[in-house]
Amino acid sequence: MERKYVIAIILVIVVIVVAGVVIFGNTSHQRGDGELVVAAYSHGGEPETGFDPILGWNYYAEPLIQSTLLKMTPNMTYKNDLATNYTISDDYKEYVVQIRPNVKFTDGSDLTAEDVAFTYNEAKKSGQSLDLSSMLNATAVNDTTVKFTLNKSDSTFLDKMAYIGIVPSDSYNNESYGSNPIGSGPYKFVEWDKGQQVILEANPDYYGKKPEVKKLTILFAKNDAAFNAAKNNEADVVAVPLTYAKENVSGYTMYLQDSIDVRGVSLPNVNNTGLKSEEDNYTIGNNVTADIAVRKALNYGINRTAMCQGGLNGLGVPSYDGIAHQLPWSNNESAIQDGNITYANQTLESAGWKDTDGDGIREKNGTKAAFSVYYSSDAPERQALAVSLSEQAKQMGINITPVGTNWDEIYPNEYSQAVVWGYGSTDPSDIYSEYSPNSSSNAAMVNISAVNSHMDKAMSESREDSYKDWSAVSWDGSTGISPKGEASWLWLGEMKYGYFVNDRVDISNDTALLQPHGGDIFGNIYDWKMKNSTNSSA
């Protein structure tokens, strides 16, 4: 009888334990040698269209599954990857690239120049990847040689060769490839649990340095969920917003990586005259920010240091032109003494912006100095910056309403209201995208003839010679987009990227790349090490 009772008690205990696991989840995640789990929302997040470089998967970051022609180095130079050599014509209108022979895709098919040409031609058609507007076409000369013919001089085309992963031309289907990608990179695709994670395994046929991490699970957790993944030991490397960067998590070390990612606010430079954008039919112009006095007042009146202390948790530095200080084309002369409320108010008064009804908001010709600033509600630092901007602007009699929402709601307002953006790339043509009147990414509708001349000249110069002209876009001594010139934008601050790293993992911080906009934690995954070789519970 006693034995029956003992067995019954044991069964009850087993049922309770199993139920507890089902209800509350199992927070002990066993992983074998060479296995890592990474929560890296900053690495592009979960791609809506899957892991397809033609549709924008991880441009400006290590694509993991696919090979690229070149790779970025920590000192911001390029080295060969799939490419073995390349030549550039004197007028920067033709790039000829030799690629490695005998490279295989993970389905066993050969990777040839035809695949490279196909990838770039399709990427241009899609318009979802890098800006390839200067490329006329790509053609395979033979199995190991591809030629890029451009429609204008573009010395920045070299940068595009480092960030577009190559797909197989014979089997590529734009509707299905993203869900089951075939590549030739350091990892091969295993499984995508939509909304949760993607699982990759090391590619045994990869031609380059093979990573020590043999199985990589990337969680799509972000913000609070990512921080909890670190606290609960559910991931080995966790990207978190800067609001968490000063927290302590047992068994983890916080790594703050330098970035070239800058936060700024676009201010429409033209009046609203009823015009709409050709491509999307979005309203163009704002009758408040079109006045340079308003843009100047905001640029000189706000306190960027206070914003970096608050919105960036003390882990950012002020920016006046949107170009990170580490980049060779940064311009120290664009800096100003900000936080000058007196100067800001004098500027507005002189331009006719006065508070005539005593409500604290200036007006001019019947127009209130009021507009909205949109920001992605998924980005805590953008919210903090938008709120801080709103509060500081009140001291100048400018009413700015923060609006946090998704990008589907932000884009229709990008040409008519202020928007908090992030930019940062080792490709200087990003500047062209931001400020060229021919670019749909020119949210502020900037059109400055001297700036246009500097950008056009930079495109036809060698990379090193172009730096002075890219720099002059900010300030050339008489004009530019910076506060001293047209104050075309309201740039706020450079930021760092914060990662909680399990103490059993060495992410080789010394060889980490400067983090671009969006982050690139896997840029040096070839150098990551496991600090022990026994099975670990993370």
Protein backbone atom coordinates (compact mmCIF):
# COMPACT_ATOMS: atom_id res chain seq x y z
CA MET A 1 0.00 0.00 0.00
CA GLU A 2 2.79 2.40 0.99
CA ARG A 3 4.54 1.70 -2.33
CA LYS A 4 1.41 2.67 -4.27
CA TYR A 5 1.24 5.95 -2.39
CA VAL A 6 4.91 6.67 -3.14
CA ILE A 7 4.39 5.98 -6.86
CA ALA A 8 1.28 8.19 -6.89
CA ILE A 9 3.19 11.06 -5.23
CA ILE A 10 6.05 10.74 -7.73
CA LEU A 11 3.57 10.88 -10.64
CA VAL A 12 1.96 14.01 -9.21
CA ILE A 13 5.37 15.68 -8.87
CA VAL A 14 6.26 14.79 -12.48
CA VAL A 15 2.96 16.23 -13.72
CA ILE A 16 3.52 19.45 -11.76
CA VAL A 17 7.06 19.85 -13.09
CA VAL A 18 6.00 19.21 -16.69
CA ALA A 19 3.09 21.63 -16.34
CA GLY A 20 5.43 24.25 -14.91
CA VAL A 21 7.72 23.94 -17.90
CA VAL A 22 4.79 24.23 -20.29
CA ILE A 23 3.18 27.17 -18.51
CA PHE A 24 6.22 29.18 -17.46
CA GLY A 25 8.73 28.11 -20.08
CA ASN A 26 12.12 26.51 -19.66
CA THR A 27 14.75 29.24 -19.11
CA SER A 28 17.66 26.80 -19.10
CA HIS A 29 18.87 26.69 -22.69
CA GLN A 30 21.45 23.97 -23.21
CA ARG A 31 23.84 24.55 -26.08
CA GLY A 32 26.59 22.40 -27.40
CA ASP A 33 30.10 23.36 -28.38
CA GLY A 34 30.17 26.05 -31.01
CA GLU A 35 26.51 27.03 -30.59
CA LEU A 36 25.47 30.62 -29.95
CA VAL A 37 22.18 32.42 -29.61
CA VAL A 38 22.22 36.11 -30.48
CA ALA A 39 19.44 38.65 -30.02
CA ALA A 40 20.51 41.24 -32.55
CA TYR A 41 17.65 43.48 -33.56
CA SER A 42 20.26 46.01 -34.67
CA HIS A 43 21.45 43.60 -37.38
CA GLY A 44 18.60 44.57 -39.67
CA GLY A 45 15.84 43.03 -37.55
CA GLU A 46 13.51 40.43 -39.02
CA PRO A 47 13.30 41.02 -42.78
CA GLU A 48 9.73 41.16 -44.06
CA THR A 49 10.75 39.70 -47.41
CA GLY A 50 13.17 37.17 -45.95
CA PHE A 51 16.91 36.84 -46.40
CA ASP A 52 17.10 38.15 -49.93
CA PRO A 53 19.86 40.69 -50.70
CA ILE A 54 18.04 41.78 -53.86
CA LEU A 55 15.13 42.87 -51.68
CA GLY A 56 17.32 44.60 -49.12
CA TRP A 57 18.52 41.88 -46.71
CA ASN A 58 21.35 43.33 -44.62
CA TYR A 59 22.73 45.95 -46.95
CA TYR A 60 25.56 47.75 -45.11
CA ALA A 61 26.05 44.67 -42.93
CA GLU A 62 27.48 41.14 -43.09
CA PRO A 63 24.79 39.06 -44.86
CA LEU A 64 26.12 35.78 -43.34
CA ILE A 65 24.35 33.53 -45.86
CA GLN A 66 25.69 35.12 -49.04
CA SER A 67 29.14 36.19 -50.27
CA THR A 68 30.01 39.76 -51.19
CA LEU A 69 32.65 40.89 -53.66
CA LEU A 70 34.54 42.89 -51.02
CA LYS A 71 34.54 43.22 -47.24
CA MET A 72 35.04 46.21 -44.98
CA THR A 73 37.97 46.23 -42.53
CA PRO A 74 38.14 47.85 -39.07
CA ASN A 75 40.17 50.76 -40.51
CA MET A 76 37.46 51.45 -43.11
CA THR A 77 39.32 50.08 -46.12
CA TYR A 78 38.19 47.22 -48.34
CA LYS A 79 39.66 43.77 -48.84
CA ASN A 80 38.81 41.08 -51.36
CA ASP A 81 36.21 38.47 -50.50
CA LEU A 82 34.60 36.80 -53.50
CA ALA A 83 36.65 39.17 -55.65
CA THR A 84 40.32 38.47 -56.28
CA ASN A 85 41.11 41.68 -58.15
CA TYR A 86 39.40 44.69 -59.69
CA THR A 87 40.24 47.59 -61.98
CA ILE A 88 38.52 50.98 -62.30
CA SER A 89 38.56 53.21 -65.38
CA ASP A 90 39.98 56.70 -65.08
CA ASP A 91 36.54 58.26 -65.47
CA TYR A 92 34.98 55.96 -62.82
CA LYS A 93 32.42 54.69 -65.32
CA GLU A 94 33.64 51.09 -65.61
CA TYR A 95 34.56 48.56 -62.92
CA VAL A 96 35.93 45.14 -63.93
CA VAL A 97 36.08 42.50 -61.21
CA GLN A 98 37.75 39.08 -61.19
CA ILE A 99 36.19 36.55 -58.82
CA ARG A 100 37.33 33.32 -57.23
CA PRO A 101 37.01 30.15 -59.33
CA ASN A 102 35.48 26.95 -57.99
CA VAL A 103 33.14 28.61 -55.47
CA LYS A 104 29.99 26.62 -54.71
CA PHE A 105 26.54 27.69 -53.56
CA THR A 106 25.12 25.63 -50.71
CA ASP A 107 22.92 23.74 -53.18
CA GLY A 108 26.08 22.47 -54.89
CA SER A 109 25.86 24.67 -57.99
CA ASP A 110 28.78 26.76 -59.22
CA LEU A 111 29.00 30.47 -58.49
CA THR A 112 30.15 32.34 -61.60
CA ALA A 113 30.30 35.88 -62.89
CA GLU A 114 26.86 35.32 -64.39
CA ASP A 115 25.43 35.09 -60.85
CA VAL A 116 27.17 38.31 -59.83
CA ALA A 117 25.85 40.18 -62.88
CA PHE A 118 22.35 38.79 -62.34
CA THR A 119 22.33 39.82 -58.67
CA TYR A 120 23.34 43.42 -59.36
CA ASN A 121 20.97 43.83 -62.31
CA GLU A 122 18.05 42.46 -60.31
CA ALA A 123 18.98 44.57 -57.26
CA LYS A 124 18.85 47.68 -59.42
CA LYS A 125 15.44 46.70 -60.78
CA SER A 126 14.01 46.08 -57.33
CA GLY A 127 15.23 49.36 -55.86
CA GLN A 128 15.07 47.73 -52.43
CA SER A 129 18.79 47.32 -51.86
CA LEU A 130 21.60 49.87 -52.18
CA ASP A 131 21.30 52.85 -54.50
CA LEU A 132 22.45 51.48 -57.86
CA SER A 133 21.07 54.34 -59.92
CA SER A 134 24.52 55.09 -61.37
CA MET A 135 24.86 51.54 -62.74
CA LEU A 136 23.79 51.03 -66.35
CA ASN A 137 24.25 47.27 -66.25
CA ALA A 138 26.43 44.38 -65.11
CA THR A 139 27.65 41.76 -67.59
CA ALA A 140 29.60 38.53 -67.30
CA VAL A 141 32.71 38.67 -69.49
CA ASN A 142 33.55 35.06 -68.68
CA ASP A 143 33.00 32.70 -65.75
CA THR A 144 35.33 34.65 -63.45
CA THR A 145 35.06 38.21 -64.75
CA VAL A 146 32.19 40.65 -64.37
CA LYS A 147 32.01 44.17 -65.79
CA PHE A 148 29.96 46.99 -64.30
CA THR A 149 29.15 49.79 -66.72
CA LEU A 150 27.92 53.04 -65.18
CA ASN A 151 25.83 55.82 -66.67
CA LYS A 152 27.89 58.50 -64.93
CA SER A 153 31.13 58.85 -63.00
CA ASP A 154 30.79 57.29 -59.55
CA SER A 155 33.84 56.67 -57.40
CA THR A 156 31.56 55.41 -54.61
CA PHE A 157 30.48 52.36 -56.62
CA LEU A 158 33.30 50.47 -54.95
CA ASP A 159 31.33 50.71 -51.71
CA LYS A 160 28.39 48.88 -53.27
CA MET A 161 30.66 45.92 -54.01
CA ALA A 162 31.00 45.24 -50.28
CA TYR A 163 27.35 45.02 -49.33
CA ILE A 164 25.27 43.09 -51.84
CA GLY A 165 25.18 39.33 -51.29
CA ILE A 166 25.31 37.16 -54.41
CA VAL A 167 22.39 34.87 -55.26
CA PRO A 168 22.22 31.96 -57.78
CA SER A 169 20.81 33.16 -61.10
CA ASP A 170 19.55 29.74 -62.23
CA SER A 171 17.32 29.02 -59.24
CA TYR A 172 16.47 32.50 -57.92
CA ASN A 173 12.78 33.26 -57.47
CA ASN A 174 11.91 36.59 -55.89
CA GLU A 175 8.77 35.15 -54.27
CA SER A 176 10.41 32.18 -52.57
CA TYR A 177 14.15 32.85 -52.27
CA GLY A 178 13.89 34.95 -49.10
CA SER A 179 12.26 32.08 -47.20
CA ASN A 180 14.80 29.47 -48.31
CA PRO A 181 17.97 31.33 -49.33
CA ILE A 182 20.89 29.70 -51.13
CA GLY A 183 24.26 31.38 -50.78
CA SER A 184 28.00 30.87 -50.60
CA GLY A 185 28.76 32.79 -47.40
CA PRO A 186 30.13 31.53 -44.07
CA TYR A 187 26.72 30.19 -43.01
CA LYS A 188 23.92 28.24 -44.62
CA PHE A 189 20.26 28.68 -43.92
CA VAL A 190 18.51 26.03 -41.79
CA GLU A 191 15.17 27.33 -40.53
CA TRP A 192 13.16 30.53 -40.16
CA ASP A 193 10.55 30.63 -37.39
CA LYS A 194 8.77 33.80 -38.45
CA GLY A 195 8.36 36.31 -35.67
CA GLN A 196 10.87 34.48 -33.49
CA GLN A 197 14.23 33.45 -34.91
CA VAL A 198 16.37 32.22 -37.78
CA ILE A 199 18.79 29.31 -37.44
CA LEU A 200 22.03 29.11 -39.42
CA GLU A 201 24.80 26.53 -39.54
CA ALA A 202 28.40 26.89 -40.66
CA ASN A 203 28.92 26.31 -44.38
CA PRO A 204 31.53 23.53 -44.67
CA ASP A 205 32.33 24.58 -48.26
CA TYR A 206 32.98 28.23 -47.45
CA TYR A 207 36.18 29.37 -49.14
CA GLY A 208 37.24 31.92 -46.52
CA LYS A 209 38.18 31.87 -42.86
CA LYS A 210 35.73 29.55 -41.16
CA PRO A 211 34.06 30.86 -38.01
CA GLU A 212 34.38 28.96 -34.75
CA VAL A 213 30.66 29.42 -34.14
CA LYS A 214 29.14 26.40 -35.90
CA LYS A 215 25.47 26.99 -35.13
CA LEU A 216 24.01 30.46 -34.92
CA THR A 217 20.48 31.22 -33.79
CA ILE A 218 19.41 34.83 -34.23
CA LEU A 219 16.43 35.92 -32.13
CA PHE A 220 14.31 38.82 -33.34
CA ALA A 221 13.82 40.15 -29.82
CA LYS A 222 14.29 43.88 -29.29
CA ASN A 223 14.09 46.53 -26.59
CA ASP A 224 12.56 45.11 -23.36
CA ALA A 225 12.39 41.58 -24.78
CA ALA A 226 16.08 41.69 -25.70
CA PHE A 227 17.10 42.95 -22.27
CA ASN A 228 15.05 40.18 -20.65
CA ALA A 229 16.80 37.63 -22.88
CA ALA A 230 20.08 38.70 -21.27
CA LYS A 231 18.68 38.75 -17.74
CA ASN A 232 17.23 35.26 -18.21
CA ASN A 233 20.37 33.85 -19.87
CA GLU A 234 18.38 33.08 -23.01
CA ALA A 235 20.95 34.51 -25.42
CA ASP A 236 24.73 34.85 -25.53
CA VAL A 237 24.99 38.21 -27.30
CA VAL A 238 22.20 40.73 -26.89
CA ALA A 239 21.79 44.12 -28.57
CA VAL A 240 19.93 46.57 -26.34
CA PRO A 241 18.86 50.21 -26.57
CA LEU A 242 21.20 52.67 -24.86
CA THR A 243 18.65 53.07 -22.06
CA TYR A 244 19.85 49.67 -20.80
CA ALA A 245 23.55 50.12 -21.49
CA LYS A 246 24.43 51.05 -17.89
CA GLU A 247 22.55 48.13 -16.35
CA ASN A 248 24.37 45.18 -14.78
CA VAL A 249 23.49 41.63 -15.80
CA SER A 250 25.08 38.72 -13.96
CA GLY A 251 27.36 36.64 -16.17
CA TYR A 252 27.44 39.27 -18.93
CA THR A 253 29.72 42.14 -19.90
CA MET A 254 28.40 45.27 -21.60
CA TYR A 255 30.36 46.14 -24.73
CA LEU A 256 29.87 49.62 -26.14
CA GLN A 257 30.97 49.66 -29.75
CA ASP A 258 31.78 52.84 -31.64
CA SER A 259 29.45 53.62 -34.47
CA ILE A 260 29.12 56.03 -37.36
CA ASP A 261 25.37 56.10 -36.76
CA VAL A 262 24.00 59.62 -36.31
CA ARG A 263 20.54 60.81 -35.28
CA GLY A 264 19.06 63.92 -36.83
CA VAL A 265 15.80 65.62 -37.76
CA SER A 266 14.89 66.50 -41.34
CA LEU A 267 13.29 69.93 -41.67
CA PRO A 268 11.50 70.53 -44.99
CA ASN A 269 13.32 73.40 -46.71
CA VAL A 270 10.47 74.36 -49.06
CA ASN A 271 6.99 75.79 -48.59
CA ASN A 272 3.84 73.75 -48.99
CA THR A 273 2.46 74.96 -52.31
CA GLY A 274 0.25 71.95 -52.94
CA LEU A 275 2.89 69.91 -54.76
CA LYS A 276 2.97 66.13 -54.34
CA SER A 277 5.85 63.69 -54.80
CA GLU A 278 5.76 61.98 -58.19
CA GLU A 279 6.44 58.48 -56.93
CA ASP A 280 4.19 58.29 -53.86
CA ASN A 281 1.92 61.36 -54.05
CA TYR A 282 3.13 62.59 -50.66
CA THR A 283 2.61 66.22 -49.65
CA ILE A 284 5.74 68.35 -50.13
CA GLY A 285 6.77 71.31 -48.01
CA ASN A 286 6.18 73.00 -44.66
CA ASN A 287 5.50 76.73 -44.30
CA VAL A 288 7.27 76.92 -40.94
CA THR A 289 10.48 74.97 -41.47
CA ALA A 290 10.87 76.45 -44.95
CA ASP A 291 11.91 79.67 -43.21
CA ILE A 292 15.66 79.51 -42.67
CA ALA A 293 15.21 81.63 -39.52
CA VAL A 294 13.28 78.77 -37.90
CA ARG A 295 15.90 76.21 -38.93
CA LYS A 296 18.74 78.47 -37.73
CA ALA A 297 16.99 79.14 -34.41
CA LEU A 298 16.53 75.44 -33.72
CA ASN A 299 20.11 74.59 -34.72
CA TYR A 300 21.61 77.28 -32.50
CA GLY A 301 19.06 77.14 -29.70
CA ILE A 302 18.89 73.46 -28.81
CA ASN A 303 21.43 71.97 -26.43
CA ARG A 304 22.84 68.87 -28.12
CA THR A 305 24.99 67.93 -25.13
CA ALA A 306 21.89 67.75 -22.94
CA MET A 307 20.16 65.64 -25.59
CA CYS A 308 23.07 63.22 -25.70
CA GLN A 309 23.06 62.98 -21.93
CA GLY A 310 19.34 62.27 -21.87
CA GLY A 311 18.18 60.73 -25.13
CA LEU A 312 21.43 58.80 -25.69
CA ASN A 313 21.98 57.98 -22.00
CA GLY A 314 25.27 59.89 -21.88
CA LEU A 315 26.68 57.57 -24.57
CA GLY A 316 26.63 59.90 -27.53
CA VAL A 317 28.39 63.01 -28.73
CA PRO A 318 26.86 66.06 -30.47
CA SER A 319 26.67 66.17 -34.24
CA TYR A 320 26.14 69.29 -36.33
CA ASP A 321 26.20 67.88 -39.84
CA GLY A 322 25.30 64.19 -39.65
CA ILE A 323 28.82 62.97 -40.46
CA ALA A 324 30.42 60.88 -37.72
CA HIS A 325 33.77 62.19 -36.53
CA GLN A 326 35.55 58.92 -37.44
CA LEU A 327 34.82 59.29 -41.14
CA PRO A 328 37.58 60.78 -43.32
CA TRP A 329 35.17 63.38 -44.72
CA SER A 330 34.02 64.72 -41.34
CA ASN A 331 34.19 68.51 -41.05
CA ASN A 332 35.17 70.01 -37.70
CA GLU A 333 34.42 73.50 -39.00
CA SER A 334 30.70 72.74 -39.08
CA ALA A 335 30.52 72.74 -35.26
CA ILE A 336 28.86 75.67 -33.50
CA GLN A 337 28.22 76.85 -29.94
CA ASP A 338 24.65 75.69 -29.44
CA GLY A 339 22.24 76.07 -26.53
CA ASN A 340 22.09 79.80 -27.30
CA ILE A 341 18.44 80.60 -26.61
CA THR A 342 19.06 84.34 -26.76
CA TYR A 343 20.47 84.15 -30.28
CA ALA A 344 17.66 81.80 -31.35
CA ASN A 345 14.94 84.15 -30.12
CA GLN A 346 16.62 87.17 -31.67
CA THR A 347 16.82 85.35 -35.01
CA LEU A 348 13.11 84.55 -34.90
CA GLU A 349 12.12 88.08 -33.85
CA SER A 350 14.18 89.64 -36.64
CA ALA A 351 12.50 87.35 -39.17
CA GLY A 352 9.03 88.42 -38.03
CA TRP A 353 8.13 85.43 -35.86
CA LYS A 354 6.40 86.97 -32.83
CA ASP A 355 4.02 85.80 -30.12
CA THR A 356 1.25 88.34 -30.55
CA ASP A 357 -1.52 86.52 -28.70
CA GLY A 358 0.49 85.44 -25.63
CA ASP A 359 -0.05 81.70 -26.04
CA GLY A 360 3.69 80.99 -26.02
CA ILE A 361 3.80 80.12 -29.71
CA ARG A 362 5.22 82.53 -32.26
CA GLU A 363 3.43 83.28 -35.48
CA LYS A 364 4.17 85.05 -38.74
CA ASN A 365 1.65 86.21 -41.32
CA GLY A 366 -1.03 84.18 -39.58
CA THR A 367 1.03 80.96 -39.49
CA LYS A 368 1.85 79.47 -36.10
CA ALA A 369 5.39 78.24 -35.51
CA ALA A 370 4.11 74.71 -35.05
CA PHE A 371 4.73 71.36 -36.72
CA SER A 372 5.09 67.67 -35.87
CA VAL A 373 8.20 65.53 -35.49
CA TYR A 374 7.68 61.88 -36.37
CA TYR A 375 9.77 59.04 -34.98
CA SER A 376 9.73 55.26 -35.04
CA SER A 377 7.96 54.01 -31.91
CA ASP A 378 10.27 50.97 -31.98
CA ALA A 379 13.31 53.17 -31.22
CA PRO A 380 13.46 54.41 -27.60
CA GLU A 381 16.34 56.80 -28.30
CA ARG A 382 14.41 58.48 -31.13
CA GLN A 383 11.44 58.99 -28.84
CA ALA A 384 13.68 60.51 -26.17
CA LEU A 385 15.29 62.86 -28.70
CA ALA A 386 11.93 63.91 -30.14
CA VAL A 387 10.51 64.67 -26.70
CA SER A 388 13.65 66.59 -25.70
CA LEU A 389 13.48 68.61 -28.92
CA SER A 390 9.85 69.44 -28.23
CA GLU A 391 10.63 70.63 -24.71
CA GLN A 392 13.64 72.73 -25.70
CA ALA A 393 11.80 74.32 -28.64
CA LYS A 394 9.20 75.76 -26.27
CA GLN A 395 11.86 78.16 -25.00
CA MET A 396 11.98 79.60 -28.52
CA GLY A 397 8.22 79.83 -28.94
CA ILE A 398 8.13 76.90 -31.35
CA ASN A 399 5.52 74.20 -30.77
CA ILE A 400 6.77 70.78 -31.95
CA THR A 401 4.48 67.80 -31.41
CA PRO A 402 6.20 64.38 -31.13
CA VAL A 403 4.41 61.59 -33.01
CA GLY A 404 5.57 58.02 -32.46
CA THR A 405 4.32 55.52 -35.01
CA ASN A 406 5.39 52.96 -37.62
CA TRP A 407 7.17 53.67 -40.90
CA ASP A 408 4.01 53.11 -42.94
CA GLU A 409 2.65 56.21 -41.22
CA ILE A 410 5.91 58.15 -41.18
CA TYR A 411 6.79 57.99 -44.88
CA PRO A 412 3.67 59.85 -46.12
CA ASN A 413 4.77 62.76 -43.88
CA GLU A 414 8.50 62.72 -44.63
CA TYR A 415 8.45 65.68 -47.04
CA SER A 416 6.02 67.86 -45.06
CA GLN A 417 6.87 67.33 -41.38
CA ALA A 418 10.01 66.81 -39.33
CA VAL A 419 11.23 63.22 -38.95
CA VAL A 420 13.89 61.71 -36.66
CA TRP A 421 16.23 59.69 -38.89
CA GLY A 422 19.33 57.60 -38.46
CA TYR A 423 22.17 57.70 -40.96
CA GLY A 424 25.70 56.39 -41.00
CA SER A 425 27.72 54.59 -43.62
CA THR A 426 31.26 54.21 -44.90
CA ASP A 427 29.76 54.90 -48.32
CA PRO A 428 29.88 58.69 -48.81
CA SER A 429 27.17 58.52 -51.46
CA ASP A 430 24.75 58.43 -48.51
CA ILE A 431 25.34 62.18 -48.49
CA TYR A 432 24.15 62.36 -52.09
CA SER A 433 20.98 60.47 -51.15
CA GLU A 434 20.25 62.88 -48.31
CA TYR A 435 20.84 66.17 -50.11
CA SER A 436 20.58 65.71 -53.88
CA PRO A 437 17.46 67.20 -55.51
CA ASN A 438 17.42 64.07 -57.69
CA SER A 439 17.08 61.69 -54.73
CA SER A 440 13.78 60.43 -53.32
CA SER A 441 15.59 60.06 -49.99
CA ASN A 442 16.04 63.84 -49.78
CA ALA A 443 13.35 64.20 -47.10
CA ALA A 444 14.23 67.83 -46.34
CA MET A 445 13.98 68.77 -50.04
CA VAL A 446 17.46 70.31 -49.95
CA ASN A 447 18.64 72.00 -53.14
CA ILE A 448 21.79 74.09 -52.72
CA SER A 449 23.72 74.73 -55.92
CA ALA A 450 27.15 74.82 -54.23
CA VAL A 451 26.37 71.56 -52.41
CA ASN A 452 25.24 69.95 -55.66
CA SER A 453 28.51 70.99 -57.30
CA HIS A 454 30.62 69.52 -54.49
CA MET A 455 28.72 66.22 -54.67
CA ASP A 456 29.00 65.95 -58.44
CA LYS A 457 32.72 66.69 -58.27
CA ALA A 458 33.24 64.12 -55.50
CA MET A 459 31.63 61.41 -57.61
CA SER A 460 34.25 61.88 -60.36
CA GLU A 461 37.29 61.97 -58.07
CA SER A 462 39.32 59.20 -56.48
CA ARG A 463 38.09 58.10 -53.08
CA GLU A 464 40.88 59.98 -51.28
CA ASP A 465 40.54 63.13 -53.38
CA SER A 466 36.77 63.15 -52.93
CA TYR A 467 36.93 63.55 -49.16
CA LYS A 468 37.42 67.32 -49.36
CA ASP A 469 34.32 67.75 -51.50
CA TRP A 470 32.16 65.46 -49.39
CA SER A 471 33.34 67.46 -46.38
CA ALA A 472 32.50 70.74 -48.13
CA VAL A 473 28.87 69.65 -48.34
CA SER A 474 28.68 70.47 -44.64
CA TRP A 475 30.50 73.80 -44.81
CA ASP A 476 32.81 75.16 -47.49
CA GLY A 477 33.45 78.54 -45.89
CA SER A 478 30.41 80.23 -47.35
CA THR A 479 27.55 77.74 -47.46
CA GLY A 480 26.56 74.13 -46.78
CA ILE A 481 23.90 72.08 -45.03
CA SER A 482 25.29 72.70 -41.52
CA PRO A 483 24.00 75.34 -39.06
CA LYS A 484 26.53 77.88 -40.36
CA GLY A 485 25.05 77.53 -43.83
CA GLU A 486 21.46 76.68 -44.73
CA ALA A 487 20.78 74.71 -41.54
CA SER A 488 19.09 72.19 -43.83
CA TRP A 489 18.71 69.58 -41.12
CA LEU A 490 18.79 69.54 -37.33
CA TRP A 491 21.51 67.00 -36.64
CA LEU A 492 21.66 65.93 -33.00
CA GLY A 493 24.21 63.29 -32.02
CA GLU A 494 26.35 60.27 -32.78
CA MET A 495 25.53 57.14 -30.82
CA LYS A 496 27.20 53.96 -29.65
CA TYR A 497 25.85 50.41 -29.89
CA GLY A 498 25.45 48.40 -26.71
CA TYR A 499 25.74 44.61 -26.50
CA PHE A 500 25.47 42.38 -23.45
CA VAL A 501 27.89 39.50 -24.07
CA ASN A 502 27.90 36.27 -22.08
CA ASP A 503 31.23 35.82 -20.33
CA ARG A 504 31.74 32.48 -22.09
CA VAL A 505 31.98 34.30 -25.43
CA ASP A 506 34.72 36.51 -26.87
CA ILE A 507 33.32 38.70 -29.68
CA SER A 508 36.81 40.05 -30.44
CA ASN A 509 35.95 43.65 -29.69
CA ASP A 510 39.39 44.72 -30.92
CA THR A 511 38.55 43.62 -34.48
CA ALA A 512 34.95 44.87 -34.47
CA LEU A 513 33.94 47.09 -37.36
CA LEU A 514 32.66 50.59 -36.78
CA GLN A 515 28.94 50.03 -36.46
CA PRO A 516 27.00 51.51 -39.40
CA HIS A 517 23.41 52.66 -39.19
CA GLY A 518 21.46 49.55 -38.21
CA GLY A 519 24.51 47.87 -36.65
CA ASP A 520 26.73 45.04 -37.83
CA ILE A 521 27.56 42.88 -34.81
CA PHE A 522 28.44 39.95 -37.12
CA GLY A 523 30.98 41.90 -39.17
CA ASN A 524 33.83 40.12 -37.38
CA ILE A 525 32.12 36.82 -36.51
CA TYR A 526 35.11 35.06 -38.11
CA ASP A 527 37.11 36.17 -35.05
CA TRP A 528 34.60 35.22 -32.32
CA LYS A 529 35.78 32.61 -29.82
CA MET A 530 34.18 30.35 -27.26
CA LYS A 531 36.01 30.65 -23.96
CA ASN A 532 35.36 27.03 -23.00
CA SER A 533 34.75 23.90 -25.00
CA THR A 534 32.30 22.09 -22.74
CA ASN A 535 28.53 22.18 -23.06
CA SER A 536 27.15 25.39 -21.57
CA SER A 537 23.82 26.50 -20.24
CA ALA A 538 23.24 30.11 -21.25
